[in-house]
Amino acid sequence: MITAASLVGMTASFAHAQGAPIEFRMAASDANIAGCRGLDAQLSRVHSVTLNGDTALLKLAGGISETLKQTAPGVYTTVFTLSGVRLDVVANSATSPRTLVVTEKNRGCRWDATTK
């Protein structure tokens, strides 16, 4: 009975996580070069990721929304352009704490966040 109760609790927890936004505050990497700083103001705000099955919705503080696709259990990715810069996004809800990483691969720019 304890095992069944635990399973029900874990299932309820997972279902709640599916609809509830996960909030992140991004921070620029200390290793970012000067050319990366142009995106700091846009990325260094609170953003949210809402899980929905095999996709997730990323809402940036500036009103931009992007759909992420699941690439591994609990890991969602997308590529989008912000201010003319191609950004790779990885949201990982399988780790504790949950993480959100944004990278610009040409210049090595990186912004990271963990759940608040």
N, C-alpha and C. Protein backbone atom coordinates (compact mmCIF):
# COMPACT_ATOMS: atom_id res chain seq x y z
N MET A 1 0.81 -1.20 0.00
CA MET A 1 0.00 0.00 0.00
C MET A 1 0.85 1.26 0.00
N ILE A 2 1.95 1.24 0.69
CA ILE A 2 2.83 2.41 0.71
C ILE A 2 3.35 2.69 -0.69
N THR A 3 3.70 1.65 -1.42
CA THR A 3 4.21 1.81 -2.78
C THR A 3 3.15 2.42 -3.69
N ALA A 4 1.92 1.95 -3.59
CA ALA A 4 0.83 2.49 -4.41
C ALA A 4 0.59 3.95 -4.08
N ALA A 5 0.60 4.29 -2.80
CA ALA A 5 0.39 5.68 -2.39
C ALA A 5 1.51 6.57 -2.91
N SER A 6 2.75 6.05 -2.86
CA SER A 6 3.88 6.82 -3.37
C SER A 6 3.75 7.07 -4.86
N LEU A 7 3.33 6.03 -5.58
CA LEU A 7 3.16 6.16 -7.03
C LEU A 7 2.08 7.18 -7.37
N VAL A 8 0.98 7.17 -6.63
CA VAL A 8 -0.09 8.14 -6.86
C VAL A 8 0.43 9.55 -6.60
N GLY A 9 1.20 9.72 -5.53
CA GLY A 9 1.76 11.03 -5.21
C GLY A 9 2.71 11.53 -6.27
N MET A 10 3.56 10.63 -6.78
CA MET A 10 4.50 11.03 -7.83
C MET A 10 3.76 11.38 -9.11
N THR A 11 2.71 10.64 -9.45
CA THR A 11 1.93 10.92 -10.65
C THR A 11 1.24 12.26 -10.53
N ALA A 12 0.68 12.55 -9.37
CA ALA A 12 0.01 13.83 -9.17
C ALA A 12 1.02 14.97 -9.27
N SER A 13 2.21 14.76 -8.72
CA SER A 13 3.26 15.77 -8.79
C SER A 13 3.67 16.04 -10.23
N PHE A 14 3.83 14.99 -11.03
CA PHE A 14 4.21 15.13 -12.43
C PHE A 14 3.11 15.86 -13.20
N ALA A 15 1.84 15.50 -12.95
CA ALA A 15 0.73 16.15 -13.65
C ALA A 15 0.70 17.63 -13.32
N HIS A 16 0.95 17.98 -12.06
CA HIS A 16 0.97 19.39 -11.66
C HIS A 16 2.10 20.11 -12.39
N ALA A 17 3.25 19.47 -12.49
CA ALA A 17 4.40 20.10 -13.15
C ALA A 17 4.12 20.35 -14.63
N GLN A 18 3.30 19.51 -15.25
CA GLN A 18 3.01 19.68 -16.67
C GLN A 18 2.33 21.01 -16.96
N GLY A 19 1.44 21.48 -16.10
CA GLY A 19 0.70 22.69 -16.40
C GLY A 19 1.22 23.95 -15.73
N ALA A 20 2.09 23.80 -14.75
CA ALA A 20 2.57 24.95 -13.99
C ALA A 20 3.85 25.51 -14.62
N PRO A 21 3.90 26.82 -14.84
CA PRO A 21 5.12 27.41 -15.40
C PRO A 21 6.30 27.27 -14.43
N ILE A 22 7.45 26.98 -14.96
CA ILE A 22 8.69 26.91 -14.19
C ILE A 22 9.41 28.22 -14.46
N GLU A 23 9.68 29.00 -13.42
CA GLU A 23 10.31 30.31 -13.61
C GLU A 23 11.82 30.24 -13.44
N PHE A 24 12.51 30.97 -14.32
CA PHE A 24 13.96 31.04 -14.32
C PHE A 24 14.40 32.49 -14.44
N ARG A 25 15.48 32.86 -13.74
CA ARG A 25 16.12 34.17 -13.96
C ARG A 25 17.49 33.88 -14.55
N MET A 26 17.68 34.33 -15.79
CA MET A 26 18.92 34.07 -16.52
C MET A 26 20.04 34.97 -16.00
N ALA A 27 21.25 34.46 -16.09
CA ALA A 27 22.44 35.25 -15.76
C ALA A 27 23.51 34.95 -16.81
N ALA A 28 24.19 35.98 -17.25
CA ALA A 28 25.26 35.82 -18.24
C ALA A 28 26.45 35.12 -17.62
N SER A 29 27.12 34.32 -18.43
CA SER A 29 28.35 33.66 -17.99
C SER A 29 29.44 34.72 -17.80
N ASP A 30 30.27 34.51 -16.80
CA ASP A 30 31.41 35.42 -16.57
C ASP A 30 32.39 35.37 -17.73
N ALA A 31 32.37 34.29 -18.50
CA ALA A 31 33.30 34.13 -19.62
C ALA A 31 32.81 34.79 -20.91
N ASN A 32 31.59 35.36 -20.91
CA ASN A 32 31.07 36.01 -22.12
C ASN A 32 31.95 37.17 -22.54
N ILE A 33 32.18 37.26 -23.84
CA ILE A 33 32.96 38.38 -24.39
C ILE A 33 32.05 39.61 -24.51
N ALA A 34 32.64 40.74 -24.80
CA ALA A 34 31.89 41.99 -24.90
C ALA A 34 30.77 41.91 -25.94
N GLY A 35 30.98 41.18 -27.02
CA GLY A 35 29.97 41.06 -28.06
C GLY A 35 28.70 40.35 -27.62
N CYS A 36 28.75 39.66 -26.50
CA CYS A 36 27.58 38.95 -25.97
C CYS A 36 26.69 39.87 -25.14
N ARG A 37 27.25 40.94 -24.64
CA ARG A 37 26.54 41.78 -23.68
C ARG A 37 25.31 42.47 -24.25
N GLY A 38 25.20 42.55 -25.56
CA GLY A 38 24.04 43.18 -26.18
C GLY A 38 22.73 42.46 -25.88
N LEU A 39 22.80 41.19 -25.54
CA LEU A 39 21.59 40.43 -25.23
C LEU A 39 21.34 40.31 -23.72
N ASP A 40 22.27 40.79 -22.90
CA ASP A 40 22.11 40.66 -21.45
C ASP A 40 20.80 41.25 -20.93
N ALA A 41 20.44 42.43 -21.39
CA ALA A 41 19.22 43.08 -20.89
C ALA A 41 17.98 42.24 -21.19
N GLN A 42 17.93 41.63 -22.38
CA GLN A 42 16.77 40.83 -22.75
C GLN A 42 16.76 39.48 -22.06
N LEU A 43 17.91 38.89 -21.86
CA LEU A 43 17.97 37.54 -21.30
C LEU A 43 18.08 37.51 -19.78
N SER A 44 18.50 38.60 -19.15
CA SER A 44 18.70 38.62 -17.70
C SER A 44 17.44 39.00 -16.94
N ARG A 45 16.33 38.48 -17.39
CA ARG A 45 15.03 38.71 -16.74
C ARG A 45 14.44 37.36 -16.37
N VAL A 46 13.25 37.39 -15.79
CA VAL A 46 12.56 36.14 -15.45
C VAL A 46 11.84 35.63 -16.69
N HIS A 47 12.08 34.36 -17.01
CA HIS A 47 11.44 33.68 -18.13
C HIS A 47 10.75 32.45 -17.58
N SER A 48 9.78 31.90 -18.32
CA SER A 48 9.10 30.70 -17.83
C SER A 48 9.06 29.62 -18.90
N VAL A 49 9.03 28.39 -18.43
CA VAL A 49 8.89 27.22 -19.29
C VAL A 49 7.71 26.43 -18.75
N THR A 50 6.74 26.15 -19.62
CA THR A 50 5.58 25.35 -19.24
C THR A 50 5.60 24.06 -20.03
N LEU A 51 5.68 22.94 -19.31
CA LEU A 51 5.74 21.63 -19.94
C LEU A 51 4.35 21.22 -20.41
N ASN A 52 4.31 20.56 -21.58
CA ASN A 52 3.05 20.09 -22.12
C ASN A 52 3.31 18.83 -22.95
N GLY A 53 3.45 17.69 -22.27
CA GLY A 53 3.73 16.43 -22.97
C GLY A 53 5.11 16.44 -23.58
N ASP A 54 5.18 16.26 -24.90
CA ASP A 54 6.48 16.21 -25.57
C ASP A 54 6.94 17.57 -26.09
N THR A 55 6.26 18.63 -25.66
CA THR A 55 6.69 19.99 -25.98
C THR A 55 6.69 20.83 -24.70
N ALA A 56 7.27 22.01 -24.81
CA ALA A 56 7.26 22.97 -23.71
C ALA A 56 7.17 24.35 -24.34
N LEU A 57 6.56 25.28 -23.63
CA LEU A 57 6.44 26.65 -24.12
C LEU A 57 7.36 27.54 -23.31
N LEU A 58 8.29 28.19 -23.99
CA LEU A 58 9.21 29.15 -23.38
C LEU A 58 8.62 30.54 -23.58
N LYS A 59 8.42 31.26 -22.48
CA LYS A 59 7.95 32.65 -22.57
C LYS A 59 9.06 33.54 -22.03
N LEU A 60 9.59 34.36 -22.94
CA LEU A 60 10.62 35.32 -22.56
C LEU A 60 9.95 36.56 -21.98
N ALA A 61 10.65 37.26 -21.12
CA ALA A 61 10.10 38.42 -20.44
C ALA A 61 9.62 39.50 -21.40
N GLY A 62 10.19 39.59 -22.57
CA GLY A 62 9.81 40.61 -23.54
C GLY A 62 8.56 40.29 -24.34
N GLY A 63 7.88 39.18 -24.00
CA GLY A 63 6.65 38.82 -24.69
C GLY A 63 6.84 37.82 -25.83
N ILE A 64 8.06 37.34 -26.03
CA ILE A 64 8.33 36.37 -27.08
C ILE A 64 8.04 34.97 -26.55
N SER A 65 7.37 34.15 -27.36
CA SER A 65 7.10 32.76 -26.99
C SER A 65 7.72 31.84 -28.03
N GLU A 66 8.29 30.75 -27.57
CA GLU A 66 8.90 29.74 -28.44
C GLU A 66 8.49 28.37 -27.96
N THR A 67 8.24 27.46 -28.90
CA THR A 67 7.93 26.08 -28.56
C THR A 67 9.20 25.26 -28.58
N LEU A 68 9.43 24.51 -27.51
CA LEU A 68 10.57 23.62 -27.41
C LEU A 68 10.08 22.20 -27.63
N LYS A 69 10.91 21.36 -28.22
CA LYS A 69 10.58 19.96 -28.46
C LYS A 69 11.39 19.08 -27.52
N GLN A 70 10.76 18.02 -27.03
CA GLN A 70 11.44 17.10 -26.14
C GLN A 70 12.46 16.28 -26.93
N THR A 71 13.72 16.27 -26.46
CA THR A 71 14.78 15.53 -27.13
C THR A 71 15.28 14.35 -26.29
N ALA A 72 14.92 14.33 -25.02
CA ALA A 72 15.22 13.26 -24.09
C ALA A 72 14.21 13.41 -22.95
N PRO A 73 14.02 12.40 -22.12
CA PRO A 73 13.06 12.56 -21.02
C PRO A 73 13.35 13.79 -20.17
N GLY A 74 12.43 14.74 -20.15
CA GLY A 74 12.58 15.95 -19.36
C GLY A 74 13.47 17.02 -19.95
N VAL A 75 14.00 16.81 -21.14
CA VAL A 75 14.90 17.77 -21.79
C VAL A 75 14.23 18.31 -23.05
N TYR A 76 14.13 19.63 -23.16
CA TYR A 76 13.45 20.30 -24.27
C TYR A 76 14.40 21.29 -24.91
N THR A 77 14.38 21.36 -26.24
CA THR A 77 15.30 22.25 -26.94
C THR A 77 14.60 23.01 -28.06
N THR A 78 15.20 24.13 -28.43
CA THR A 78 14.77 24.90 -29.59
C THR A 78 15.92 25.79 -30.04
N VAL A 79 15.79 26.31 -31.23
CA VAL A 79 16.71 27.32 -31.76
C VAL A 79 15.84 28.46 -32.25
N PHE A 80 16.17 29.69 -31.85
CA PHE A 80 15.44 30.85 -32.35
C PHE A 80 16.36 32.04 -32.46
N THR A 81 15.87 33.08 -33.09
CA THR A 81 16.66 34.28 -33.31
C THR A 81 16.12 35.41 -32.44
N LEU A 82 17.02 36.09 -31.74
CA LEU A 82 16.67 37.23 -30.91
C LEU A 82 17.62 38.36 -31.29
N SER A 83 17.06 39.48 -31.73
CA SER A 83 17.86 40.63 -32.17
C SER A 83 18.90 40.23 -33.21
N GLY A 84 18.51 39.34 -34.11
CA GLY A 84 19.38 38.91 -35.19
C GLY A 84 20.44 37.89 -34.81
N VAL A 85 20.37 37.37 -33.58
CA VAL A 85 21.36 36.41 -33.09
C VAL A 85 20.69 35.05 -32.92
N ARG A 86 21.33 34.00 -33.49
CA ARG A 86 20.81 32.63 -33.36
C ARG A 86 21.14 32.09 -31.98
N LEU A 87 20.11 31.65 -31.27
CA LEU A 87 20.28 31.14 -29.91
C LEU A 87 19.78 29.71 -29.80
N ASP A 88 20.55 28.87 -29.13
CA ASP A 88 20.16 27.50 -28.82
C ASP A 88 19.70 27.47 -27.37
N VAL A 89 18.54 26.86 -27.14
CA VAL A 89 17.95 26.83 -25.81
C VAL A 89 17.77 25.38 -25.38
N VAL A 90 18.15 25.08 -24.13
CA VAL A 90 17.93 23.76 -23.54
C VAL A 90 17.30 23.97 -22.17
N ALA A 91 16.10 23.43 -21.99
CA ALA A 91 15.43 23.43 -20.69
C ALA A 91 15.46 22.00 -20.17
N ASN A 92 15.96 21.81 -18.97
CA ASN A 92 16.06 20.47 -18.40
C ASN A 92 15.22 20.41 -17.13
N SER A 93 14.09 19.71 -17.22
CA SER A 93 13.21 19.56 -16.06
C SER A 93 13.48 18.25 -15.35
N ALA A 94 14.43 17.45 -15.84
CA ALA A 94 14.73 16.15 -15.25
C ALA A 94 15.75 16.26 -14.12
N THR A 95 16.42 17.40 -14.01
CA THR A 95 17.43 17.57 -12.97
C THR A 95 16.85 18.36 -11.80
N SER A 96 17.54 18.33 -10.69
CA SER A 96 17.14 19.14 -9.54
C SER A 96 18.36 19.92 -9.08
N PRO A 97 18.36 21.22 -9.16
CA PRO A 97 17.26 22.06 -9.65
C PRO A 97 17.14 21.99 -11.17
N ARG A 98 15.99 22.40 -11.65
CA ARG A 98 15.76 22.46 -13.10
C ARG A 98 16.62 23.57 -13.68
N THR A 99 17.01 23.40 -14.96
CA THR A 99 17.91 24.38 -15.56
C THR A 99 17.40 24.88 -16.90
N LEU A 100 17.85 26.06 -17.27
CA LEU A 100 17.59 26.66 -18.57
C LEU A 100 18.91 27.25 -19.04
N VAL A 101 19.35 26.84 -20.23
CA VAL A 101 20.63 27.31 -20.77
C VAL A 101 20.39 27.86 -22.17
N VAL A 102 20.91 29.06 -22.42
CA VAL A 102 20.83 29.70 -23.73
C VAL A 102 22.26 29.93 -24.19
N THR A 103 22.57 29.49 -25.41
CA THR A 103 23.92 29.69 -25.94
C THR A 103 23.88 30.27 -27.34
N GLU A 104 24.92 31.03 -27.66
CA GLU A 104 25.16 31.54 -29.00
C GLU A 104 26.52 30.96 -29.37
N LYS A 105 26.51 30.00 -30.26
CA LYS A 105 27.71 29.18 -30.47
C LYS A 105 28.84 29.86 -31.25
N ASN A 106 28.55 30.84 -32.09
CA ASN A 106 29.62 31.48 -32.88
C ASN A 106 30.61 32.25 -32.01
N ARG A 107 30.10 32.96 -31.02
CA ARG A 107 30.98 33.75 -30.15
C ARG A 107 31.18 33.11 -28.78
N GLY A 108 30.48 32.01 -28.53
CA GLY A 108 30.63 31.32 -27.24
C GLY A 108 29.84 31.98 -26.12
N CYS A 109 28.80 32.71 -26.45
CA CYS A 109 27.99 33.37 -25.43
C CYS A 109 27.12 32.35 -24.71
N ARG A 110 26.89 32.57 -23.41
CA ARG A 110 26.09 31.63 -22.62
C ARG A 110 25.38 32.36 -21.50
N TRP A 111 24.12 31.99 -21.30
CA TRP A 111 23.33 32.46 -20.17
C TRP A 111 22.72 31.24 -19.51
N ASP A 112 22.76 31.20 -18.19
CA ASP A 112 22.27 30.05 -17.43
C ASP A 112 21.26 30.49 -16.38
N ALA A 113 20.41 29.54 -16.02
CA ALA A 113 19.46 29.77 -14.95
C ALA A 113 19.09 28.45 -14.30
N THR A 114 18.77 28.51 -13.02
CA THR A 114 18.17 27.39 -12.33
C THR A 114 16.84 27.87 -11.78
N THR A 115 16.00 26.95 -11.36
CA THR A 115 14.68 27.35 -10.87
C THR A 115 14.83 28.29 -9.68
N LYS A 116 13.86 29.17 -9.57
CA LYS A 116 13.86 30.16 -8.49
C LYS A 116 13.40 29.53 -7.20
